[in-house]
PDB file of all heavy atoms in Angstrom:
ATOM      1  N   PHE A   1     -87.172-106.650 215.609  1.00  0.00           N
ATOM      2  CA  PHE A   1     -88.073-107.666 216.035  1.00  0.00           C
ATOM      3  C   PHE A   1     -89.463-107.426 215.535  1.00  0.00           C
ATOM      4  O   PHE A   1     -90.158-108.407 215.116  1.00  0.00           O
ATOM      5  CB  PHE A   1     -88.180-107.689 217.590  1.00  0.00           C
ATOM      6  CG  PHE A   1     -89.184-108.525 218.174  1.00  0.00           C
ATOM      7  CD1 PHE A   1     -89.015-109.915 218.273  1.00  0.00           C
ATOM      8  CD2 PHE A   1     -90.519-108.156 218.564  1.00  0.00           C
ATOM      9  CE1 PHE A   1     -89.980-110.836 218.690  1.00  0.00           C
ATOM     10  CE2 PHE A   1     -91.392-108.939 219.115  1.00  0.00           C
ATOM     11  CZ  PHE A   1     -91.210-110.250 219.196  1.00  0.00           C
ATOM     12  N   SER A   2     -89.998-106.310 215.382  1.00  0.00           N
ATOM     13  CA  SER A   2     -91.309-105.904 214.892  1.00  0.00           C
ATOM     14  C   SER A   2     -91.490-105.652 213.440  1.00  0.00           C
ATOM     15  O   SER A   2     -92.537-105.341 213.003  1.00  0.00           O
ATOM     16  CB  SER A   2     -91.804-104.704 215.746  1.00  0.00           C
ATOM     17  OG  SER A   2     -91.063-103.513 215.392  1.00  0.00           O
ATOM     18  N   THR A   3     -90.434-105.908 212.712  1.00  0.00           N
ATOM     19  CA  THR A   3     -90.488-105.680 211.296  1.00  0.00           C
ATOM     20  C   THR A   3     -91.078-106.888 210.533  1.00  0.00           C
ATOM     21  O   THR A   3     -90.362-107.684 209.910  1.00  0.00           O
ATOM     22  CB  THR A   3     -89.055-105.275 210.668  1.00  0.00           C
ATOM     23  OG1 THR A   3     -88.163-106.367 210.982  1.00  0.00           O
ATOM     24  CG2 THR A   3     -88.662-103.981 211.247  1.00  0.00           C
ATOM     25  N   TYR A   4     -92.440-106.918 210.604  1.00  0.00           N
ATOM     26  CA  TYR A   4     -92.994-108.199 210.005  1.00  0.00           C
ATOM     27  C   TYR A   4     -93.152-108.174 208.539  1.00  0.00           C
ATOM     28  O   TYR A   4     -93.087-109.156 207.910  1.00  0.00           O
ATOM     29  CB  TYR A   4     -94.471-108.304 210.629  1.00  0.00           C
ATOM     30  CG  TYR A   4     -94.578-108.646 212.092  1.00  0.00           C
ATOM     31  CD1 TYR A   4     -94.810-107.584 213.010  1.00  0.00           C
ATOM     32  CD2 TYR A   4     -94.326-109.897 212.571  1.00  0.00           C
ATOM     33  CE1 TYR A   4     -94.890-107.847 214.333  1.00  0.00           C
ATOM     34  CE2 TYR A   4     -94.468-110.215 213.811  1.00  0.00           C
ATOM     35  CZ  TYR A   4     -94.671-109.243 214.725  1.00  0.00           C
ATOM     36  OH  TYR A   4     -94.675-109.525 216.067  1.00  0.00           O
ATOM     37  N   VAL A   5     -93.239-106.971 207.932  1.00  0.00           N
ATOM     38  CA  VAL A   5     -93.272-106.750 206.472  1.00  0.00           C
ATOM     39  C   VAL A   5     -92.120-106.023 206.049  1.00  0.00           C
ATOM     40  O   VAL A   5     -91.720-104.953 206.515  1.00  0.00           O
ATOM     41  CB  VAL A   5     -94.555-106.081 205.993  1.00  0.00           C
ATOM     42  CG1 VAL A   5     -94.548-105.897 204.687  1.00  0.00           C
ATOM     43  CG2 VAL A   5     -95.763-106.897 206.460  1.00  0.00           C
ATOM     44  N   MET A   6     -91.459-106.580 204.915  1.00  0.00           N
ATOM     45  CA  MET A   6     -90.336-105.767 204.230  1.00  0.00           C
ATOM     46  C   MET A   6     -90.791-105.815 202.814  1.00  0.00           C
ATOM     47  O   MET A   6     -91.313-106.755 202.262  1.00  0.00           O
ATOM     48  CB  MET A   6     -89.018-106.475 204.512  1.00  0.00           C
ATOM     49  CG  MET A   6     -88.592-106.421 206.021  1.00  0.00           C
ATOM     50  SD  MET A   6     -86.920-106.990 206.241  1.00  0.00           S
ATOM     51  CE  MET A   6     -85.972-105.609 205.488  1.00  0.00           C
ATOM     52  N   GLY A   7     -90.556-104.654 202.147  1.00  0.00           N
ATOM     53  CA  GLY A   7     -90.893-104.495 200.820  1.00  0.00           C
ATOM     54  C   GLY A   7     -90.042-103.667 200.043  1.00  0.00           C
ATOM     55  O   GLY A   7     -89.128-102.962 200.498  1.00  0.00           O
ATOM     56  N   TRP A   8     -90.266-103.616 198.673  1.00  0.00           N
ATOM     57  CA  TRP A   8     -89.540-102.775 197.764  1.00  0.00           C
ATOM     58  C   TRP A   8     -90.546-101.806 197.030  1.00  0.00           C
ATOM     59  O   TRP A   8     -91.482-102.340 196.410  1.00  0.00           O
ATOM     60  CB  TRP A   8     -88.748-103.525 196.805  1.00  0.00           C
ATOM     61  CG  TRP A   8     -87.610-104.332 197.338  1.00  0.00           C
ATOM     62  CD1 TRP A   8     -87.560-105.709 197.788  1.00  0.00           C
ATOM     63  CD2 TRP A   8     -86.278-103.820 197.500  1.00  0.00           C
ATOM     64  NE1 TRP A   8     -86.307-105.992 198.113  1.00  0.00           N
ATOM     65  CE2 TRP A   8     -85.525-104.906 198.000  1.00  0.00           C
ATOM     66  CE3 TRP A   8     -85.632-102.645 197.202  1.00  0.00           C
ATOM     67  CZ2 TRP A   8     -84.157-104.698 198.307  1.00  0.00           C
ATOM     68  CZ3 TRP A   8     -84.361-102.439 197.560  1.00  0.00           C
ATOM     69  CH2 TRP A   8     -83.576-103.465 198.106  1.00  0.00           C
ATOM     70  N   PHE A   9     -90.271-100.574 197.163  1.00  0.00           N
ATOM     71  CA  PHE A   9     -91.004 -99.615 196.407  1.00  0.00           C
ATOM     72  C   PHE A   9     -90.127 -98.962 195.330  1.00  0.00           C
ATOM     73  O   PHE A   9     -88.806 -99.270 195.380  1.00  0.00           O
ATOM     74  CB  PHE A   9     -91.392 -98.362 197.317  1.00  0.00           C
ATOM     75  CG  PHE A   9     -92.484 -98.756 198.233  1.00  0.00           C
ATOM     76  CD1 PHE A   9     -92.246 -99.377 199.466  1.00  0.00           C
ATOM     77  CD2 PHE A   9     -93.772 -98.379 197.921  1.00  0.00           C
ATOM     78  CE1 PHE A   9     -93.314 -99.585 200.346  1.00  0.00           C
ATOM     79  CE2 PHE A   9     -94.812 -98.639 198.939  1.00  0.00           C
ATOM     80  CZ  PHE A   9     -94.649 -99.212 199.995  1.00  0.00           C
ATOM     81  N   ARG A  10     -90.702 -98.440 194.296  1.00  0.00           N
ATOM     82  CA  ARG A  10     -89.902 -97.748 193.291  1.00  0.00           C
ATOM     83  C   ARG A  10     -90.572 -96.409 192.933  1.00  0.00           C
ATOM     84  O   ARG A  10     -91.915 -96.272 193.053  1.00  0.00           O
ATOM     85  CB  ARG A  10     -89.590 -98.662 192.006  1.00  0.00           C
ATOM     86  CG  ARG A  10     -90.977 -98.828 191.185  1.00  0.00           C
ATOM     87  CD  ARG A  10     -90.506 -99.930 190.085  1.00  0.00           C
ATOM     88  NE  ARG A  10     -91.730-100.114 189.224  1.00  0.00           N
ATOM     89  CZ  ARG A  10     -91.724-101.004 188.287  1.00  0.00           C
ATOM     90  NH1 ARG A  10     -90.730-101.807 188.086  1.00  0.00           N
ATOM     91  NH2 ARG A  10     -92.824-101.165 187.597  1.00  0.00           N
ATOM     92  N   GLN A  11     -89.811 -95.516 192.477  1.00  0.00           N
ATOM     93  CA  GLN A  11     -90.380 -94.222 192.137  1.00  0.00           C
ATOM     94  C   GLN A  11     -89.602 -93.705 190.843  1.00  0.00           C
ATOM     95  O   GLN A  11     -88.346 -93.453 190.975  1.00  0.00           O
ATOM     96  CB  GLN A  11     -90.251 -93.179 193.273  1.00  0.00           C
ATOM     97  CG  GLN A  11     -90.909 -91.827 192.896  1.00  0.00           C
ATOM     98  CD  GLN A  11     -91.248 -90.990 194.092  1.00  0.00           C
ATOM     99  OE1 GLN A  11     -90.483 -91.116 195.054  1.00  0.00           O
ATOM    100  NE2 GLN A  11     -92.226 -90.185 194.058  1.00  0.00           N
ATOM    101  N   ALA A  12     -90.330 -93.570 189.727  1.00  0.00           N
ATOM    102  CA  ALA A  12     -89.815 -93.046 188.530  1.00  0.00           C
ATOM    103  C   ALA A  12     -89.961 -91.494 188.536  1.00  0.00           C
ATOM    104  O   ALA A  12     -90.911 -90.956 189.185  1.00  0.00           O
ATOM    105  CB  ALA A  12     -90.360 -93.649 187.313  1.00  0.00           C
ATOM    106  N   PRO A  13     -89.268 -90.703 187.770  1.00  0.00           N
ATOM    107  CA  PRO A  13     -89.362 -89.325 187.732  1.00  0.00           C
ATOM    108  C   PRO A  13     -90.774 -88.898 187.289  1.00  0.00           C
ATOM    109  O   PRO A  13     -91.377 -89.450 186.382  1.00  0.00           O
ATOM    110  CB  PRO A  13     -88.386 -88.803 186.620  1.00  0.00           C
ATOM    111  CG  PRO A  13     -87.332 -89.917 186.669  1.00  0.00           C
ATOM    112  CD  PRO A  13     -88.049 -91.165 186.945  1.00  0.00           C
ATOM    113  N   GLY A  14     -91.400 -88.050 188.084  1.00  0.00           N
ATOM    114  CA  GLY A  14     -92.785 -87.615 187.746  1.00  0.00           C
ATOM    115  C   GLY A  14     -93.925 -88.536 188.147  1.00  0.00           C
ATOM    116  O   GLY A  14     -95.018 -88.179 187.844  1.00  0.00           O
ATOM    117  N   LYS A  15     -93.515 -89.685 188.741  1.00  0.00           N
ATOM    118  CA  LYS A  15     -94.609 -90.634 189.118  1.00  0.00           C
ATOM    119  C   LYS A  15     -94.718 -90.881 190.518  1.00  0.00           C
ATOM    120  O   LYS A  15     -93.721 -90.589 191.250  1.00  0.00           O
ATOM    121  CB  LYS A  15     -94.289 -91.952 188.308  1.00  0.00           C
ATOM    122  CG  LYS A  15     -94.414 -91.816 186.853  1.00  0.00           C
ATOM    123  CD  LYS A  15     -94.282 -93.243 186.095  1.00  0.00           C
ATOM    124  CE  LYS A  15     -94.459 -93.181 184.703  1.00  0.00           C
ATOM    125  NZ  LYS A  15     -94.298 -94.468 183.985  1.00  0.00           N
ATOM    126  N   GLU A  16     -95.754 -91.469 191.017  1.00  0.00           N
ATOM    127  CA  GLU A  16     -95.895 -91.818 192.380  1.00  0.00           C
ATOM    128  C   GLU A  16     -95.090 -92.955 192.849  1.00  0.00           C
ATOM    129  O   GLU A  16     -94.860 -93.908 191.966  1.00  0.00           O
ATOM    130  CB  GLU A  16     -97.451 -92.096 192.659  1.00  0.00           C
ATOM    131  CG  GLU A  16     -98.397 -90.899 192.531  1.00  0.00           C
ATOM    132  CD  GLU A  16     -98.233 -89.795 193.432  1.00  0.00           C
ATOM    133  OE1 GLU A  16     -97.879 -90.198 194.625  1.00  0.00           O
ATOM    134  OE2 GLU A  16     -98.248 -88.648 193.013  1.00  0.00           O
ATOM    135  N   ARG A  17     -94.689 -93.055 194.039  1.00  0.00           N
ATOM    136  CA  ARG A  17     -94.030 -94.212 194.573  1.00  0.00           C
ATOM    137  C   ARG A  17     -94.934 -95.443 194.649  1.00  0.00           C
ATOM    138  O   ARG A  17     -96.106 -95.200 195.152  1.00  0.00           O
ATOM    139  CB  ARG A  17     -93.367 -93.813 195.953  1.00  0.00           C
ATOM    140  CG  ARG A  17     -92.473 -94.948 196.497  1.00  0.00           C
ATOM    141  CD  ARG A  17     -91.826 -94.499 197.753  1.00  0.00           C
ATOM    142  NE  ARG A  17     -90.944 -93.231 197.480  1.00  0.00           N
ATOM    143  CZ  ARG A  17     -90.131 -92.678 198.325  1.00  0.00           C
ATOM    144  NH1 ARG A  17     -90.017 -93.242 199.537  1.00  0.00           N
ATOM    145  NH2 ARG A  17     -89.472 -91.652 198.016  1.00  0.00           N
ATOM    146  N   GLU A  18     -94.591 -96.521 194.069  1.00  0.00           N
ATOM    147  CA  GLU A  18     -95.359 -97.697 194.090  1.00  0.00           C
ATOM    148  C   GLU A  18     -94.698 -98.853 194.688  1.00  0.00           C
ATOM    149  O   GLU A  18     -93.427 -99.077 194.530  1.00  0.00           O
ATOM    150  CB  GLU A  18     -95.941 -98.038 192.689  1.00  0.00           C
ATOM    151  CG  GLU A  18     -94.780 -98.294 191.743  1.00  0.00           C
ATOM    152  CD  GLU A  18     -95.190 -98.576 190.289  1.00  0.00           C
ATOM    153  OE1 GLU A  18     -96.441 -98.567 190.071  1.00  0.00           O
ATOM    154  OE2 GLU A  18     -94.347 -98.691 189.352  1.00  0.00           O
ATOM    155  N   LEU A  19     -95.633 -99.728 195.389  1.00  0.00           N
ATOM    156  CA  LEU A  19     -95.011-101.054 195.989  1.00  0.00           C
ATOM    157  C   LEU A  19     -94.751-101.962 194.839  1.00  0.00           C
ATOM    158  O   LEU A  19     -95.673-102.351 194.110  1.00  0.00           O
ATOM    159  CB  LEU A  19     -95.957-101.560 197.006  1.00  0.00           C
ATOM    160  CG  LEU A  19     -95.508-102.898 197.613  1.00  0.00           C
ATOM    161  CD1 LEU A  19     -94.288-102.625 198.422  1.00  0.00           C
ATOM    162  CD2 LEU A  19     -96.677-103.425 198.521  1.00  0.00           C
ATOM    163  N   VAL A  20     -93.516-102.485 194.699  1.00  0.00           N
ATOM    164  CA  VAL A  20     -93.167-103.470 193.666  1.00  0.00           C
ATOM    165  C   VAL A  20     -93.406-104.860 194.180  1.00  0.00           C
ATOM    166  O   VAL A  20     -93.915-105.753 193.552  1.00  0.00           O
ATOM    167  CB  VAL A  20     -91.656-103.283 193.347  1.00  0.00           C
ATOM    168  CG1 VAL A  20     -91.312-104.345 192.313  1.00  0.00           C
ATOM    169  CG2 VAL A  20     -91.539-101.886 192.687  1.00  0.00           C
ATOM    170  N   ALA A  21     -92.918-105.201 195.467  1.00  0.00           N
ATOM    171  CA  ALA A  21     -93.052-106.507 196.057  1.00  0.00           C
ATOM    172  C   ALA A  21     -92.970-106.277 197.513  1.00  0.00           C
ATOM    173  O   ALA A  21     -92.293-105.376 198.058  1.00  0.00           O
ATOM    174  CB  ALA A  21     -91.989-107.448 195.467  1.00  0.00           C
ATOM    175  N   ALA A  22     -93.535-107.226 198.202  1.00  0.00           N
ATOM    176  CA  ALA A  22     -93.413-107.214 199.725  1.00  0.00           C
ATOM    177  C   ALA A  22     -93.517-108.729 200.178  1.00  0.00           C
ATOM    178  O   ALA A  22     -94.094-109.525 199.552  1.00  0.00           O
ATOM    179  CB  ALA A  22     -94.429-106.361 200.336  1.00  0.00           C
ATOM    180  N   ILE A  23     -92.955-108.895 201.432  1.00  0.00           N
ATOM    181  CA  ILE A  23     -93.064-110.243 202.048  1.00  0.00           C
ATOM    182  C   ILE A  23     -93.122-110.084 203.569  1.00  0.00           C
ATOM    183  O   ILE A  23     -92.480-109.224 204.136  1.00  0.00           O
ATOM    184  CB  ILE A  23     -91.926-111.094 201.647  1.00  0.00           C
ATOM    185  CG1 ILE A  23     -91.922-112.463 202.136  1.00  0.00           C
ATOM    186  CG2 ILE A  23     -90.570-110.447 202.117  1.00  0.00           C
ATOM    187  CD1 ILE A  23     -90.862-113.423 201.496  1.00  0.00           C
ATOM    188  N   ASN A  24     -93.924-110.811 204.311  1.00  0.00           N
ATOM    189  CA  ASN A  24     -94.020-110.915 205.700  1.00  0.00           C
ATOM    190  C   ASN A  24     -93.222-112.041 206.246  1.00  0.00           C
ATOM    191  O   ASN A  24     -92.683-112.823 205.487  1.00  0.00           O
ATOM    192  CB  ASN A  24     -95.429-110.808 206.126  1.00  0.00           C
ATOM    193  CG  ASN A  24     -96.258-112.089 205.865  1.00  0.00           C
ATOM    194  OD1 ASN A  24     -95.729-113.134 205.586  1.00  0.00           O
ATOM    195  ND2 ASN A  24     -97.581-111.986 206.075  1.00  0.00           N
ATOM    196  N   ARG A  25     -93.150-112.090 207.552  1.00  0.00           N
ATOM    197  CA  ARG A  25     -92.354-113.117 208.178  1.00  0.00           C
ATOM    198  C   ARG A  25     -92.798-114.547 207.930  1.00  0.00           C
ATOM    199  O   ARG A  25     -92.085-115.540 208.066  1.00  0.00           O
ATOM    200  CB  ARG A  25     -92.154-112.797 209.662  1.00  0.00           C
ATOM    201  CG  ARG A  25     -91.357-111.707 209.965  1.00  0.00           C
ATOM    202  CD  ARG A  25     -91.137-111.485 211.493  1.00  0.00           C
ATOM    203  NE  ARG A  25     -90.184-110.328 211.786  1.00  0.00           N
ATOM    204  CZ  ARG A  25     -88.968-110.390 211.868  1.00  0.00           C
ATOM    205  NH1 ARG A  25     -88.334-111.536 211.684  1.00  0.00           N
ATOM    206  NH2 ARG A  25     -88.284-109.349 212.166  1.00  0.00           N
ATOM    207  N   SER A  26     -94.088-114.626 207.589  1.00  0.00           N
ATOM    208  CA  SER A  26     -94.643-115.956 207.307  1.00  0.00           C
ATOM    209  C   SER A  26     -94.435-116.409 205.896  1.00  0.00           C
ATOM    210  O   SER A  26     -94.705-117.547 205.459  1.00  0.00           O
ATOM    211  CB  SER A  26     -96.123-116.012 207.489  1.00  0.00           C
ATOM    212  OG  SER A  26     -96.430-115.734 208.992  1.00  0.00           O
ATOM    213  N   GLY A  27     -93.900-115.527 205.012  1.00  0.00           N
ATOM    214  CA  GLY A  27     -93.624-115.853 203.608  1.00  0.00           C
ATOM    215  C   GLY A  27     -94.621-115.436 202.652  1.00  0.00           C
ATOM    216  O   GLY A  27     -94.503-115.717 201.361  1.00  0.00           O
ATOM    217  N   THR A  28     -95.723-114.823 203.142  1.00  0.00           N
ATOM    218  CA  THR A  28     -96.725-114.313 202.243  1.00  0.00           C
ATOM    219  C   THR A  28     -96.118-113.164 201.395  1.00  0.00           C
ATOM    220  O   THR A  28     -95.520-112.300 201.911  1.00  0.00           O
ATOM    221  CB  THR A  28     -97.986-113.821 202.996  1.00  0.00           C
ATOM    222  OG1 THR A  28     -98.536-114.859 203.747  1.00  0.00           O
ATOM    223  CG2 THR A  28     -99.065-113.234 202.101  1.00  0.00           C
ATOM    224  N   THR A  29     -96.379-113.159 200.032  1.00  0.00           N
ATOM    225  CA  THR A  29     -95.841-112.181 199.214  1.00  0.00           C
ATOM    226  C   THR A  29     -96.839-111.472 198.342  1.00  0.00           C
ATOM    227  O   THR A  29     -98.056-111.845 198.285  1.00  0.00           O
ATOM    228  CB  THR A  29     -94.836-112.834 198.193  1.00  0.00           C
ATOM    229  OG1 THR A  29     -95.652-113.873 197.377  1.00  0.00           O
ATOM    230  CG2 THR A  29     -93.669-113.601 198.874  1.00  0.00           C
ATOM    231  N   TYR A  30     -96.508-110.261 198.045  1.00  0.00           N
ATOM    232  CA  TYR A  30     -97.285-109.455 197.143  1.00  0.00           C
ATOM    233  C   TYR A  30     -96.375-108.913 195.920  1.00  0.00           C
ATOM    234  O   TYR A  30     -95.180-108.602 196.231  1.00  0.00           O
ATOM    235  CB  TYR A  30     -97.824-108.221 197.863  1.00  0.00           C
ATOM    236  CG  TYR A  30     -98.361-107.044 196.981  1.00  0.00           C
ATOM    237  CD1 TYR A  30     -99.542-106.998 196.546  1.00  0.00           C
ATOM    238  CD2 TYR A  30     -97.402-106.114 196.505  1.00  0.00           C
ATOM    239  CE1 TYR A  30    -100.030-106.043 195.681  1.00  0.00           C
ATOM    240  CE2 TYR A  30     -97.889-105.023 195.680  1.00  0.00           C
ATOM    241  CZ  TYR A  30     -99.192-105.080 195.239  1.00  0.00           C
ATOM    242  OH  TYR A  30     -99.545-104.137 194.477  1.00  0.00           O
ATOM    243  N   TYR A  31     -96.953-108.914 194.723  1.00  0.00           N
ATOM    244  CA  TYR A  31     -96.243-108.333 193.613  1.00  0.00           C
ATOM    245  C   TYR A  31     -97.096-107.400 192.870  1.00  0.00           C
ATOM    246  O   TYR A  31     -98.285-107.569 192.624  1.00  0.00           O
ATOM    247  CB  TYR A  31     -95.809-109.537 192.684  1.00  0.00           C
ATOM    248  CG  TYR A  31     -94.761-110.415 193.316  1.00  0.00           C
ATOM    249  CD1 TYR A  31     -95.113-111.557 193.791  1.00  0.00           C
ATOM    250  CD2 TYR A  31     -93.428-110.057 193.125  1.00  0.00           C
ATOM    251  CE1 TYR A  31     -94.133-112.413 194.414  1.00  0.00           C
ATOM    252  CE2 TYR A  31     -92.424-110.883 193.702  1.00  0.00           C
ATOM    253  CZ  TYR A  31     -92.758-112.071 194.341  1.00  0.00           C
ATOM    254  OH  TYR A  31     -91.820-112.890 194.883  1.00  0.00           O
TER     255      TYR A  31
END
């Protein structure tokens, strides 16, 4: 019920984890 935002992170060897894309329940997106 409370998961308003769902996203995809990625992490390559030796690198920091970074947000690739995300979307909230209203349809707002980030890339």
